[in-house]
Each structure stands twice: as C-alpha cells, then as structure tokens.
Amino acid sequence: MEKNFDLPAASHEQLLALIAEQQAVIQELQRRIAALEEQLRPGGRGGAMPGTKPPTTRRKERKEQRKLRPYGFARRRMTPTETVDHVVEHCSDCGTRLQGGWVQRTREVLEVPVTPLRVVEQRFLARDCPMGRKRWVAPCALGDLVVGKQRLGVGLVSLIATLRETARLPIHTIQRLLATIYQLRLSVGGITAALHGVAHRGVETLAAVRESVRASPVVHADETGWREEGVNGYVWTCSTPTERYFVRRGRGKGVVDEVLGEDFCGVLVSDFYAAYNHYPGLHQRCWAHLLRDIHNLRQLYPKDVGLTQWAMAVRAIYDDACLISHPDARVRGQEQHRLEEQLLALCRPFVDDPLAVQRKLCRRVERFLTELFVFVGEPLVPPDNNAAERSLRHLVTQRKISGGTRSPRGSATKMALASLFGTWQAQGLNPFLACRQLLVSPQE
C-alpha cells in the first residue's frame, strides 16, 4: 500500500491497514524509548550520564540505621573573655541615626595575644623612722613569683618544663621558641637549670607518688634501655591508673624491691623477665608477650600443622578466660583452677619432646602456670602489661632520638620530670598549672 493517498477517498480496508501500520510504529518507538531509559538509569548497561547524582535511597537507609549517639558532637563555644559589638550607626537609605539594638547573630574568633615578655623589677625600699631613728627595709617575700634567688618566674619555669616533658621538645627548640614568641633569649644552661630546679622542688611529691604506688592493689612494672653518657642502663617504671614512677638503675632484681618496698602486698603485673621472679605475692604474667611469642613461632614454622593446632588451642583457652566475670570469688577461683589444668594438659606432652618446636614455650607455661590466670580470680587485674608499656612509650621514643642523658644529674632530673608530668596527666590535671602549683607551694 502506498504511503500517500487521499484519506476522504480511501476505502474502509485501506483505513484499517493504515491504523495497524501506525500502531506498529508506535510500539517500535516505545520499545526504543524503554531501551534508552534503561541505558540512562544508574547501574544500567550504559551507566549514568556525566553529572547525574546517585539516588539518595541508600543514604537515607544508612541514616535510619545509624546508631544513636548518647550526646551531640557539635563544636561547643567557649566562654568569651572579650566582647566586641558591631553596629550600624545610620540608615543607608535616608541617613537617619538608628536607635535601639539587639543581638542578631554572633561569631566566635579564637586568637592568641601577642604579649611581649614581662620584665618586672622588684624594688625593696628602705625608710627611716623619725622617732626611733631606725631604718626599715621591706622583706623579700616573692615565694609566689619566683623560686629561690633565680630570675625566672614560676610561670616561665613551668612553661619550660611543660614544653620539655609534655610537648617533648629538645632544649634547643625550646630556646628558639622562647626567642621567637616572647623575644626572650636564654642559654642552654639556663633552661637546663630551670629543669633541675623543678625536679629538686618535686622531691616530696615524688615520695608521695612512690608511696601511692606501693599502696595500690595492682602495679604494672616494666623496664627499657637508657644510656647515660654512653653507658648502658635501664629505666624502670611502676605505674598505676593514677601514678607513674620512673627510676634509672641496673637490671637486677633489687630494683623491684627498692621501688615496691617490703610492705607491698598487691598484685604485680609484669612480663616474663627473671628479675620479677622472686616476688612472693600474687603475680600476673603478661599474656600479650606469650601470645606474641607464639605468633612469632608460627611465622618461623608456617607448615607445622601441630604447632598451628596447639597455638589455636592456647588462644581459645585465653579467650575463654577473658569471658569469665562471675561476681562470686569462689566461682572465679574454681574457673581459674580449671583453666590452669586445661592449659597444663595442652602443653605437658611437648615439654620433654625434643622435636616439638613449641617445647620452650610449653616449659614457660609449666613454670609460670599459677601466674597466668590471676586476672580470672582478681577482677581488677588485667591479663596483659600494656599499661606499663604505654607509660614507657614516650621515653622509648626519646631514647631512640637522643640516645639517653649525659650525666647522673641529668638522668635523675629526667626521671623526676617524667614521674611528675606522667602522674599529672594520668590524673587528668593540667600539667602547666600543676607544675606552677608545685613551684609556689611551701616546702617543709
């Protein structure tokens, strides 16, 4: 049938054929439109058009599934120390002077004032009595401003000690910082003397920290290397949740008795170093060290199936022990005894087996069996010694950078400052304000 014909003169059959042909064309066009829409839809065969945003249904679903927070995390405004008002005096249209006013909006700006160094000259005047003809001079009462006869104020000394211990800056960096910000030029010896002064002032506070450590029910102990004038030595730490105490000594067992004292009756948490073996009280050995040694052994023998099975069984026993939290002490003691027997039965077949690569670790377990599950019977005792290692971390970092100290006095000052500032930070105190309070407090 021809495409062009006269509709008024067309017959009924020709009109029906034309309608059928147009319907077929319409269906073909609808099919093509559907295919093109499928290509333009995100995730379709053709991908999304450039610039097309992804649908927000998934984002809304995630937002609905988001865990509710106990409190908001929005940035809180600080208490303003100064208020500046910004006002328009006259109308921009007619020039009339504006009246009244209210706070439309506020904006918080944080700024550090550029304050030069204060050099305060303390003058002590002498006066004569006209009646008794006697001369009187004002007493030198500057205990809240300066320590002793030095010229550095307590605020400046506290800043130097805080930069040294909290910010862990080298002395030369502190020297440049003071010169840059406060135009104060101090020698290295002057900064070192200020640090020695803080350590000397904190002798009584250090004694109180040591007594608090000795009275604590749980004490974490650890040691690390520290060179003094090129000679090897060790820094020992005895820490609690609120105290940090450091000393530099040798590596003998006498250091443990020196720090803890004869009357200590708490639980000692440590690694497997032999210097702690003589402690007669309750002793918790670090599971992190034991599991780390097991992991390293598996790295050396990755194809040993027996070792892998033994290591997984030891870890399962440890995980089981960590889940025990019964309120009854008698039940916890029974569980502790059960775990000890279970671990011993697992390790005993390899103790005397010369072909077992885990023989050394099994002997360690057999020797310290009663000191591995103390944390099950004592809920306040953790299963690892990570707290002691965290307290030593900053000293380890400084040792790797500087190598240690250069004199016995420098080592004593370093240990004293580390103990003081570590204790203040553990107690949640501002170290700068705590150091200032230490310097101005009267000494007995």
Protein backbone atom coordinates (compact mmCIF):
# COMPACT_ATOMS: atom_id res chain seq x y z
CA MET A 1 0.00 0.00 0.00
CA GLU A 2 1.32 3.43 -0.84
CA LYS A 3 2.15 5.83 1.95
CA ASN A 4 0.40 8.82 0.32
CA PHE A 5 -3.23 8.54 -0.60
CA ASP A 6 -6.37 10.54 -0.26
CA LEU A 7 -7.97 9.84 3.13
CA PRO A 8 -11.52 11.01 2.16
CA ALA A 9 -11.43 8.76 -0.88
CA ALA A 10 -9.85 5.79 0.95
CA SER A 11 -11.82 2.67 1.47
CA HIS A 12 -12.56 1.05 4.77
CA GLU A 13 -9.90 -1.63 4.27
CA GLN A 14 -7.24 0.98 3.47
CA LEU A 15 -8.00 2.88 6.70
CA LEU A 16 -7.73 -0.26 8.82
CA ALA A 17 -4.38 -1.09 7.24
CA LEU A 18 -3.12 2.43 7.93
CA ILE A 19 -4.13 2.21 11.59
CA ALA A 20 -2.39 -1.13 12.00
CA GLU A 21 0.79 0.24 10.44
CA GLN A 22 0.80 3.30 12.75
CA GLN A 23 0.28 1.11 15.80
CA ALA A 24 3.29 -0.99 14.83
CA VAL A 25 5.40 2.15 14.50
CA ILE A 26 4.24 3.38 17.91
CA GLN A 27 5.15 0.06 19.56
CA GLU A 28 8.62 0.14 17.99
CA LEU A 29 9.18 3.68 19.21
CA GLN A 30 8.06 2.75 22.73
CA ARG A 31 10.50 -0.16 22.77
CA ARG A 32 13.37 2.12 21.73
CA ILE A 33 12.45 4.69 24.38
CA ALA A 34 12.43 1.98 27.07
CA ALA A 35 15.88 0.78 25.94
CA LEU A 36 17.30 4.29 26.07
CA GLU A 37 15.86 4.89 29.56
CA GLU A 38 17.45 1.64 30.73
CA GLN A 39 20.83 2.83 29.50
CA LEU A 40 20.48 6.20 31.23
CA ARG A 41 19.43 4.66 34.57
CA PRO A 42 22.33 4.38 37.16
CA GLY A 43 23.58 0.82 37.23
CA GLY A 44 22.27 0.12 33.72
CA ARG A 45 24.28 -1.21 30.82
CA GLY A 46 25.29 2.22 29.65
CA GLY A 47 25.98 3.74 33.09
CA ALA A 48 24.80 7.10 34.34
CA MET A 49 25.10 10.31 32.40
CA PRO A 50 28.00 12.58 33.38
CA GLY A 51 26.94 14.81 36.23
CA THR A 52 23.95 12.66 37.23
CA LYS A 53 23.71 12.38 41.02
CA PRO A 54 23.25 8.92 42.54
CA PRO A 55 19.90 8.16 44.16
CA THR A 56 19.55 9.06 47.84
CA THR A 57 17.61 5.98 48.90
CA ARG A 58 20.72 4.18 50.15
CA ARG A 59 21.90 7.25 52.03
CA LYS A 60 18.52 7.56 53.71
CA GLU A 61 18.60 3.89 54.67
CA ARG A 62 22.03 4.30 56.23
CA LYS A 63 20.89 7.37 58.12
CA GLU A 64 17.93 5.46 59.53
CA GLN A 65 20.17 2.56 60.60
CA ARG A 66 22.74 4.85 62.21
CA LYS A 67 23.31 4.21 65.88
CA LEU A 68 22.02 6.93 68.14
CA ARG A 69 24.76 8.80 69.99
CA PRO A 70 24.44 9.42 73.74
CA TYR A 71 25.26 13.12 73.25
CA GLY A 72 26.00 15.56 70.47
CA PHE A 73 29.43 16.01 68.97
CA ALA A 74 28.95 19.56 67.76
CA ARG A 75 31.73 22.03 68.47
CA ARG A 76 31.00 23.84 71.71
CA ARG A 77 31.51 27.56 72.09
CA MET A 78 33.99 28.69 74.68
CA THR A 79 33.33 31.26 77.37
CA PRO A 80 34.18 34.65 75.81
CA THR A 81 36.89 36.69 77.51
CA GLU A 82 36.07 39.78 75.48
CA THR A 83 33.01 41.04 73.59
CA VAL A 84 33.10 43.38 70.59
CA ASP A 85 29.85 44.89 69.28
CA HIS A 86 29.44 45.67 65.58
CA VAL A 87 26.66 48.20 64.87
CA VAL A 88 25.44 50.38 62.02
CA GLU A 89 25.05 53.99 63.15
CA HIS A 90 22.96 55.48 60.29
CA CYS A 91 20.42 54.22 57.80
CA SER A 92 21.99 53.67 54.40
CA ASP A 93 18.85 54.87 52.58
CA CYS A 94 17.90 58.11 54.37
CA GLY A 95 20.82 58.75 56.69
CA THR A 96 18.69 58.73 59.88
CA ARG A 97 20.51 57.77 63.07
CA LEU A 98 19.44 54.28 64.12
CA GLN A 99 18.06 53.54 67.58
CA GLY A 100 17.85 50.51 69.87
CA GLY A 101 19.53 47.25 69.01
CA TRP A 102 19.64 43.53 69.73
CA VAL A 103 21.99 40.64 69.04
CA GLN A 104 21.17 39.34 65.57
CA ARG A 105 23.99 36.76 65.41
CA THR A 106 27.36 36.06 66.96
CA ARG A 107 30.65 34.73 65.67
CA GLU A 108 33.42 33.19 67.77
CA VAL A 109 37.03 34.12 66.96
CA LEU A 110 39.94 32.44 68.77
CA GLU A 111 43.14 34.46 68.96
CA VAL A 112 46.44 34.26 70.79
CA PRO A 113 47.54 37.66 72.05
CA VAL A 114 50.97 38.88 71.02
CA THR A 115 52.33 39.53 74.51
CA PRO A 116 55.94 40.52 74.97
CA LEU A 117 57.99 39.25 77.87
CA ARG A 118 57.27 40.94 81.19
CA VAL A 119 60.42 42.08 82.92
CA VAL A 120 59.35 43.10 86.42
CA GLU A 121 61.85 44.95 88.57
CA GLN A 122 61.19 44.19 92.22
CA ARG A 123 62.33 47.18 94.28
CA PHE A 124 62.69 46.98 98.04
CA LEU A 125 62.52 50.45 99.57
CA ALA A 126 64.17 51.49 102.81
CA ARG A 127 62.54 54.04 105.12
CA ASP A 128 63.67 55.81 108.27
CA CYS A 129 61.64 56.13 111.44
CA PRO A 130 61.69 59.81 112.58
CA MET A 131 61.09 58.87 116.19
CA GLY A 132 63.38 55.89 116.79
CA ARG A 133 65.82 56.86 114.04
CA LYS A 134 65.78 53.28 112.77
CA ARG A 135 65.80 52.14 109.16
CA TRP A 136 63.27 49.60 107.86
CA VAL A 137 63.53 47.63 104.58
CA ALA A 138 60.65 45.71 103.01
CA PRO A 139 61.10 41.92 103.35
CA CYS A 140 61.79 39.82 100.27
CA ALA A 141 58.57 37.76 100.08
CA LEU A 142 58.42 36.54 96.47
CA GLY A 143 57.55 32.89 97.05
CA ASP A 144 54.56 33.04 94.71
CA LEU A 145 56.57 34.70 91.91
CA VAL A 146 59.98 33.07 91.83
CA VAL A 147 61.74 30.05 93.32
CA GLY A 148 64.85 30.85 95.32
CA LYS A 149 67.21 33.52 94.01
CA GLN A 150 66.81 32.80 90.31
CA ARG A 151 65.39 35.42 87.99
CA LEU A 152 62.99 33.16 86.08
CA GLY A 153 59.41 33.39 87.33
CA VAL A 154 57.33 30.35 88.20
CA GLY A 155 55.20 30.76 85.08
CA LEU A 156 58.24 30.79 82.79
CA VAL A 157 59.82 27.80 84.55
CA SER A 158 56.53 25.89 84.34
CA LEU A 159 56.30 26.66 80.62
CA ILE A 160 59.84 25.40 80.01
CA ALA A 161 59.20 22.16 81.93
CA THR A 162 55.87 21.62 80.17
CA LEU A 163 57.42 22.12 76.74
CA ARG A 164 60.17 19.70 77.65
CA GLU A 165 58.01 16.89 79.08
CA THR A 166 54.54 17.27 77.62
CA ALA A 167 55.49 18.58 74.17
CA ARG A 168 58.82 16.61 74.32
CA LEU A 169 60.76 19.37 72.65
CA PRO A 170 64.57 19.43 72.58
CA ILE A 171 66.25 22.16 74.62
CA HIS A 172 67.45 23.99 71.51
CA THR A 173 63.90 24.01 70.14
CA ILE A 174 62.61 25.47 73.42
CA GLN A 175 65.35 28.09 73.18
CA ARG A 176 64.26 29.14 69.69
CA LEU A 177 60.58 29.08 70.64
CA LEU A 178 61.08 31.47 73.56
CA ALA A 179 63.13 33.80 71.38
CA THR A 180 60.53 33.74 68.59
CA ILE A 181 57.37 34.29 70.60
CA TYR A 182 58.50 36.19 73.71
CA GLN A 183 61.76 37.76 72.48
CA LEU A 184 63.48 36.01 75.40
CA ARG A 185 66.99 34.72 74.88
CA LEU A 186 68.04 32.06 77.36
CA SER A 187 71.14 29.91 77.25
CA VAL A 188 71.04 26.14 77.18
CA GLY A 189 72.46 26.15 80.67
CA GLY A 190 69.70 28.46 81.89
CA ILE A 191 66.99 26.17 80.52
CA THR A 192 68.71 23.10 81.97
CA ALA A 193 68.99 24.78 85.37
CA ALA A 194 65.26 25.54 85.31
CA LEU A 195 64.52 21.85 84.68
CA HIS A 196 66.83 20.83 87.53
CA GLY A 197 65.00 23.27 89.77
CA VAL A 198 61.60 21.72 89.04
CA ALA A 199 62.98 18.24 89.76
CA HIS A 200 64.51 19.43 93.04
CA ARG A 201 61.26 21.12 94.01
CA GLY A 202 59.31 17.92 93.39
CA VAL A 203 61.22 15.62 95.76
CA GLU A 204 58.40 15.48 98.29
CA THR A 205 55.78 14.98 95.57
CA LEU A 206 57.82 12.11 94.11
CA ALA A 207 57.98 10.46 97.52
CA ALA A 208 54.19 10.72 97.76
CA VAL A 209 53.82 9.19 94.29
CA ARG A 210 56.04 6.28 95.28
CA GLU A 211 54.01 5.67 98.43
CA SER A 212 50.80 5.73 96.41
CA VAL A 213 52.27 3.12 94.06
CA ARG A 214 53.22 0.91 96.98
CA ALA A 215 49.71 1.19 98.44
CA SER A 216 47.99 0.33 95.16
CA PRO A 217 46.28 -3.08 94.84
CA VAL A 218 47.67 -3.57 91.31
CA VAL A 219 51.02 -2.32 89.97
CA HIS A 220 52.35 -2.65 86.41
CA ALA A 221 56.14 -2.93 86.12
CA ASP A 222 58.38 -2.86 83.07
CA GLU A 223 61.87 -1.76 82.01
CA THR A 224 63.65 -0.47 78.92
CA GLY A 225 67.16 0.54 77.97
CA TRP A 226 68.51 4.03 78.73
CA ARG A 227 72.09 5.13 78.14
CA GLU A 228 73.81 7.62 80.40
CA GLU A 229 76.92 9.26 78.96
CA GLY A 230 77.24 6.30 76.62
CA VAL A 231 76.93 3.68 79.35
CA ASN A 232 74.08 1.19 79.17
CA GLY A 233 71.41 1.26 81.84
CA TYR A 234 67.69 0.74 82.26
CA VAL A 235 64.63 2.80 83.09
CA TRP A 236 62.15 1.04 85.35
CA THR A 237 58.51 2.02 85.61
CA CYS A 238 55.96 1.12 88.24
CA SER A 239 52.61 2.52 87.23
CA THR A 240 49.01 2.52 88.38
CA PRO A 241 45.95 4.11 86.75
CA THR A 242 46.75 7.41 88.52
CA GLU A 243 50.52 7.31 89.17
CA ARG A 244 53.70 7.00 87.11
CA TYR A 245 57.03 6.37 88.82
CA PHE A 246 60.35 6.07 86.96
CA VAL A 247 63.90 5.33 88.11
CA ARG A 248 67.12 4.59 86.25
CA ARG A 249 69.12 1.71 87.65
CA GLY A 250 70.74 -1.51 86.53
CA ARG A 251 68.74 -4.56 85.54
CA GLY A 252 68.95 -6.54 88.76
CA LYS A 253 66.07 -7.76 90.86
CA GLY A 254 66.93 -5.34 93.65
CA VAL A 255 65.25 -2.52 91.74
CA VAL A 256 61.87 -4.20 92.17
CA ASP A 257 62.38 -4.36 95.95
CA GLU A 258 63.61 -0.76 96.03
CA VAL A 259 60.59 0.68 94.27
CA LEU A 260 57.85 -1.52 95.70
CA GLY A 261 59.26 -1.73 99.22
CA GLU A 262 58.97 -4.55 101.73
CA ASP A 263 55.33 -3.94 102.63
CA PHE A 264 53.85 -4.16 99.14
CA CYS A 265 51.13 -6.81 99.11
CA GLY A 266 49.27 -6.09 95.88
CA VAL A 267 49.29 -7.86 92.54
CA LEU A 268 52.38 -7.31 90.38
CA VAL A 269 51.77 -7.36 86.63
CA SER A 270 54.89 -7.90 84.51
CA ASP A 271 56.39 -9.78 81.61
CA PHE A 272 58.47 -12.96 81.96
CA TYR A 273 61.77 -11.24 82.82
CA ALA A 274 63.65 -13.09 85.57
CA ALA A 275 64.08 -10.01 87.80
CA TYR A 276 60.42 -10.28 88.80
CA ASN A 277 60.51 -14.00 89.68
CA HIS A 278 61.42 -13.52 93.33
CA TYR A 279 58.30 -11.52 94.19
CA PRO A 280 56.42 -13.69 96.73
CA GLY A 281 52.93 -12.19 96.31
CA LEU A 282 50.30 -12.54 93.63
CA HIS A 283 51.83 -12.15 90.20
CA GLN A 284 50.14 -11.81 86.80
CA ARG A 285 52.30 -12.52 83.76
CA CYS A 286 51.60 -10.70 80.52
CA TRP A 287 49.55 -12.70 78.04
CA ALA A 288 50.38 -10.24 75.27
CA HIS A 289 54.04 -11.30 75.46
CA LEU A 290 53.14 -15.00 75.45
CA LEU A 291 50.75 -14.72 72.51
CA ARG A 292 53.26 -12.59 70.61
CA ASP A 293 55.95 -15.25 71.06
CA ILE A 294 53.52 -17.92 69.86
CA HIS A 295 52.72 -15.81 66.80
CA ASN A 296 56.41 -15.32 66.02
CA LEU A 297 56.99 -19.07 66.33
CA ARG A 298 54.20 -19.74 63.85
CA GLN A 299 55.83 -17.30 61.45
CA LEU A 300 59.05 -19.35 61.63
CA TYR A 301 57.27 -22.68 61.07
CA PRO A 302 54.23 -21.90 58.90
CA LYS A 303 53.88 -25.50 57.66
CA ASP A 304 53.87 -27.14 61.09
CA VAL A 305 50.25 -28.31 61.46
CA GLY A 306 50.74 -29.46 65.04
CA LEU A 307 52.09 -26.08 66.07
CA THR A 308 49.15 -24.31 64.43
CA GLN A 309 46.63 -26.50 66.23
CA TRP A 310 48.42 -26.03 69.57
CA ALA A 311 48.57 -22.24 69.11
CA MET A 312 44.87 -22.04 68.27
CA ALA A 313 44.02 -24.14 71.34
CA VAL A 314 46.07 -21.86 73.62
CA ARG A 315 44.34 -18.82 72.18
CA ALA A 316 40.93 -20.45 72.72
CA ILE A 317 41.74 -21.03 76.39
CA TYR A 318 42.80 -17.38 76.77
CA ASP A 319 39.62 -16.15 75.07
CA ASP A 320 37.58 -18.35 77.37
CA ALA A 321 39.34 -16.88 80.40
CA CYS A 322 38.64 -13.32 79.27
CA LEU A 323 34.90 -14.03 79.19
CA ILE A 324 34.70 -15.10 82.85
CA SER A 325 33.24 -12.37 85.05
CA HIS A 326 31.32 -14.12 87.83
CA PRO A 327 30.54 -11.98 90.90
CA ASP A 328 31.32 -14.84 93.32
CA ALA A 329 35.03 -15.06 94.22
CA ARG A 330 34.74 -18.78 94.95
CA VAL A 331 33.40 -19.49 91.47
CA ARG A 332 36.15 -17.38 89.90
CA GLY A 333 38.75 -19.36 91.85
CA GLN A 334 37.29 -22.63 90.56
CA GLU A 335 37.35 -21.33 86.99
CA GLN A 336 40.96 -20.21 87.44
CA HIS A 337 41.96 -23.71 88.61
CA ARG A 338 40.07 -25.30 85.70
CA LEU A 339 41.85 -23.11 83.15
CA GLU A 340 45.24 -23.87 84.67
CA GLU A 341 44.62 -27.62 84.42
CA GLN A 342 43.35 -27.27 80.86
CA LEU A 343 46.39 -25.27 79.72
CA LEU A 344 48.80 -27.61 81.50
CA ALA A 345 47.22 -30.65 79.86
CA LEU A 346 47.62 -28.95 76.49
CA CYS A 347 51.31 -28.11 76.99
CA ARG A 348 52.60 -31.10 79.01
CA PRO A 349 53.01 -33.51 76.01
CA PHE A 350 55.51 -31.08 74.41
CA VAL A 351 57.59 -30.23 77.50
CA ASP A 352 60.06 -33.11 77.06
CA ASP A 353 59.61 -33.63 73.32
CA PRO A 354 62.91 -32.64 71.62
CA LEU A 355 61.22 -32.49 68.21
CA ALA A 356 58.45 -30.08 69.27
CA VAL A 357 59.22 -26.51 68.24
CA GLN A 358 56.88 -25.22 70.98
CA ARG A 359 58.81 -27.02 73.72
CA LYS A 360 60.38 -23.82 75.10
CA LEU A 361 57.06 -22.02 75.34
CA CYS A 362 55.44 -25.05 76.94
CA ARG A 363 58.14 -25.08 79.58
CA ARG A 364 57.45 -21.41 80.23
CA VAL A 365 53.76 -22.15 80.66
CA GLU A 366 54.52 -25.01 83.06
CA ARG A 367 56.84 -22.83 85.16
CA PHE A 368 54.53 -19.79 85.39
CA LEU A 369 51.21 -21.67 85.32
CA THR A 370 49.93 -20.21 88.61
CA GLU A 371 50.73 -16.68 87.40
CA LEU A 372 48.85 -16.79 84.10
CA PHE A 373 45.22 -16.72 85.25
CA VAL A 374 45.35 -14.46 88.28
CA PHE A 375 43.20 -12.00 86.35
CA VAL A 376 40.36 -14.55 86.43
CA GLY A 377 40.27 -14.64 90.22
CA GLU A 378 41.02 -10.91 90.66
CA PRO A 379 38.71 -8.72 88.52
CA LEU A 380 40.87 -5.60 88.98
CA VAL A 381 43.88 -7.29 87.37
CA PRO A 382 44.24 -7.10 83.56
CA PRO A 383 45.61 -10.07 81.61
CA ASP A 384 48.39 -8.03 79.97
CA ASN A 385 51.04 -5.48 80.87
CA ASN A 386 50.11 -2.95 78.20
CA ALA A 387 49.64 -0.18 80.78
CA ALA A 388 53.34 -0.29 81.73
CA GLU A 389 54.45 -0.31 78.10
CA ARG A 390 52.24 2.69 77.32
CA SER A 391 53.76 4.62 80.23
CA LEU A 392 57.26 3.90 78.85
CA ARG A 393 56.45 4.72 75.24
CA HIS A 394 57.46 8.40 75.31
CA LEU A 395 60.78 7.54 76.98
CA VAL A 396 61.47 4.88 74.36
CA THR A 397 60.79 7.43 71.62
CA GLN A 398 63.10 9.98 73.22
CA ARG A 399 65.80 7.36 73.73
CA LYS A 400 65.71 6.48 70.02
CA ILE A 401 66.13 10.16 69.14
CA SER A 402 68.67 11.38 71.69
CA GLY A 403 70.21 8.15 72.96
CA GLY A 404 69.69 8.99 76.63
CA THR A 405 71.17 11.52 79.05
CA ARG A 406 74.69 12.83 79.63
CA SER A 407 75.14 12.82 83.40
CA PRO A 408 73.74 11.22 86.57
CA ARG A 409 72.09 14.51 87.49
CA GLY A 410 70.50 14.72 84.06
CA SER A 411 69.16 11.17 84.43
CA ALA A 412 67.75 11.93 87.88
CA THR A 413 66.07 15.09 86.58
CA LYS A 414 64.65 13.26 83.57
CA MET A 415 63.17 10.50 85.73
CA ALA A 416 61.73 13.03 88.19
CA LEU A 417 60.09 15.12 85.49
CA ALA A 418 58.74 12.03 83.73
CA SER A 419 57.23 10.84 87.02
CA LEU A 420 55.70 14.23 87.88
CA PHE A 421 54.24 15.06 84.50
CA GLY A 422 53.19 11.47 83.85
CA THR A 423 51.29 11.39 87.13
CA TRP A 424 49.59 14.74 86.46
CA GLN A 425 48.47 13.62 83.03
CA ALA A 426 47.22 10.28 84.38
CA GLN A 427 45.16 12.18 86.96
CA GLY A 428 43.67 14.45 84.29
CA LEU A 429 45.36 17.60 85.58
CA ASN A 430 46.66 20.50 83.53
CA PRO A 431 50.44 19.87 83.64
CA PHE A 432 51.33 23.55 83.31
CA LEU A 433 49.07 24.59 86.19
CA ALA A 434 50.13 21.60 88.27
CA CYS A 435 53.80 22.48 87.78
CA ARG A 436 53.12 26.08 88.73
CA GLN A 437 51.29 24.96 91.86
CA LEU A 438 54.26 22.75 92.74
CA LEU A 439 56.67 25.67 92.46
CA VAL A 440 54.61 28.09 94.57
CA SER A 441 53.61 25.58 97.25
CA PRO A 442 55.52 25.90 100.54
CA GLN A 443 58.16 23.25 101.24
CA GLU A 444 58.53 21.63 104.63
